[in-house]
Amino acid sequence: DGEHLASGDYSRSVRIWRVHDGSLLHSIPAHGEGVTSLAYSPDGFSLASGSFDASLKIWSLRGE
């Protein structure tokens, strides 16, 4: 949506940031191992995360 950015890394968390000021909005302890991939749904209300722990999770972003 141009307002939020998602990041993930070896810390095993998914983080949601506000783009215009760089502030961290949420840090989600998401996986047992490092996050390897992220993708927003076309409507921007869901986020998928994949990990080295061989899991895929879908996160609801409604209310952001």
C-alpha atoms as a PDB file:
ATOM      1  CA  ASP A   1       0.000   0.000   0.000  1.00  0.00           C
ATOM      2  CA  GLY A   2       3.063   2.240   0.025  1.00  0.00           C
ATOM      3  CA  GLU A   3       2.577   2.978   3.724  1.00  0.00           C
ATOM      4  CA  HIS A   4       4.010  -0.180   5.311  1.00  0.00           C
ATOM      5  CA  LEU A   5       7.060  -2.346   4.763  1.00  0.00           C
ATOM      6  CA  ALA A   6       7.621  -5.874   6.060  1.00  0.00           C
ATOM      7  CA  SER A   7      11.031  -7.320   6.896  1.00  0.00           C
ATOM      8  CA  GLY A   8      12.292 -10.628   8.198  1.00  0.00           C
ATOM      9  CA  ASP A   9      15.734 -12.048   8.951  1.00  0.00           C
ATOM     10  CA  TYR A  10      17.703 -14.541  11.015  1.00  0.00           C
ATOM     11  CA  SER A  11      16.187 -13.158  14.223  1.00  0.00           C
ATOM     12  CA  ARG A  12      13.109 -15.301  13.363  1.00  0.00           C
ATOM     13  CA  SER A  13      10.792 -12.292  13.561  1.00  0.00           C
ATOM     14  CA  VAL A  14       8.631 -10.493  11.038  1.00  0.00           C
ATOM     15  CA  ARG A  15       8.605  -6.728  11.491  1.00  0.00           C
ATOM     16  CA  ILE A  16       6.131  -4.204  10.109  1.00  0.00           C
ATOM     17  CA  TRP A  17       7.444  -0.666   9.571  1.00  0.00           C
ATOM     18  CA  ARG A  18       5.790   2.628   8.706  1.00  0.00           C
ATOM     19  CA  VAL A  19       7.521   3.861   5.543  1.00  0.00           C
ATOM     20  CA  HIS A  20       7.174   7.637   5.923  1.00  0.00           C
ATOM     21  CA  ASP A  21       9.014   7.854   9.247  1.00  0.00           C
ATOM     22  CA  GLY A  22      10.730   4.457   9.602  1.00  0.00           C
ATOM     23  CA  SER A  23       9.003   3.615  12.862  1.00  0.00           C
ATOM     24  CA  LEU A  24       8.575  -0.002  13.901  1.00  0.00           C
ATOM     25  CA  LEU A  25       4.881  -0.824  14.294  1.00  0.00           C
ATOM     26  CA  HIS A  26       5.012  -4.554  15.117  1.00  0.00           C
ATOM     27  CA  SER A  27       7.578  -7.247  15.763  1.00  0.00           C
ATOM     28  CA  ILE A  28       6.110 -10.734  15.511  1.00  0.00           C
ATOM     29  CA  PRO A  29       8.096 -13.741  16.807  1.00  0.00           C
ATOM     30  CA  ALA A  30       7.133 -15.711  13.727  1.00  0.00           C
ATOM     31  CA  HIS A  31       9.296 -18.779  13.168  1.00  0.00           C
ATOM     32  CA  GLY A  32      11.669 -21.254  14.786  1.00  0.00           C
ATOM     33  CA  GLU A  33      14.448 -20.358  12.327  1.00  0.00           C
ATOM     34  CA  GLY A  34      15.319 -17.418  10.091  1.00  0.00           C
ATOM     35  CA  VAL A  35      12.694 -15.808   7.863  1.00  0.00           C
ATOM     36  CA  THR A  36      13.536 -16.360   4.191  1.00  0.00           C
ATOM     37  CA  SER A  37      10.595 -14.847   2.328  1.00  0.00           C
ATOM     38  CA  LEU A  38       7.708 -12.410   2.682  1.00  0.00           C
ATOM     39  CA  ALA A  39       4.826 -11.539   0.375  1.00  0.00           C
ATOM     40  CA  TYR A  40       1.836  -9.254   0.781  1.00  0.00           C
ATOM     41  CA  SER A  41      -1.542 -10.353  -0.571  1.00  0.00           C
ATOM     42  CA  PRO A  42      -2.849  -8.207  -3.448  1.00  0.00           C
ATOM     43  CA  ASP A  43      -5.393  -6.524  -1.155  1.00  0.00           C
ATOM     44  CA  GLY A  44      -2.684  -5.718   1.432  1.00  0.00           C
ATOM     45  CA  PHE A  45      -4.621  -7.288   4.312  1.00  0.00           C
ATOM     46  CA  SER A  46      -2.479 -10.428   4.671  1.00  0.00           C
ATOM     47  CA  LEU A  47       1.221 -11.213   4.755  1.00  0.00           C
ATOM     48  CA  ALA A  48       2.813 -14.607   4.109  1.00  0.00           C
ATOM     49  CA  SER A  49       6.159 -15.509   5.663  1.00  0.00           C
ATOM     50  CA  GLY A  50       8.393 -18.486   4.936  1.00  0.00           C
ATOM     51  CA  SER A  51      11.295 -19.788   6.982  1.00  0.00           C
ATOM     52  CA  PHE A  52      14.267 -22.147   7.092  1.00  0.00           C
ATOM     53  CA  ASP A  53      12.135 -24.143   9.552  1.00  0.00           C
ATOM     54  CA  ALA A  54      10.110 -25.301   6.484  1.00  0.00           C
ATOM     55  CA  SER A  55       6.966 -23.472   7.562  1.00  0.00           C
ATOM     56  CA  LEU A  56       4.743 -20.964   5.822  1.00  0.00           C
ATOM     57  CA  LYS A  57       2.519 -18.678   7.881  1.00  0.00           C
ATOM     58  CA  ILE A  58      -0.221 -16.269   6.884  1.00  0.00           C
ATOM     59  CA  TRP A  59      -0.682 -13.149   9.015  1.00  0.00           C
ATOM     60  CA  SER A  60      -3.762 -10.928   9.081  1.00  0.00           C
ATOM     61  CA  LEU A  61      -2.906  -7.226   8.866  1.00  0.00           C
ATOM     62  CA  ARG A  62      -6.425  -5.911   9.300  1.00  0.00           C
ATOM     63  CA  GLY A  63      -6.507  -2.964  11.634  1.00  0.00           C
ATOM     64  CA  GLU A  64      -3.035  -1.705  10.689  1.00  0.00           C
END
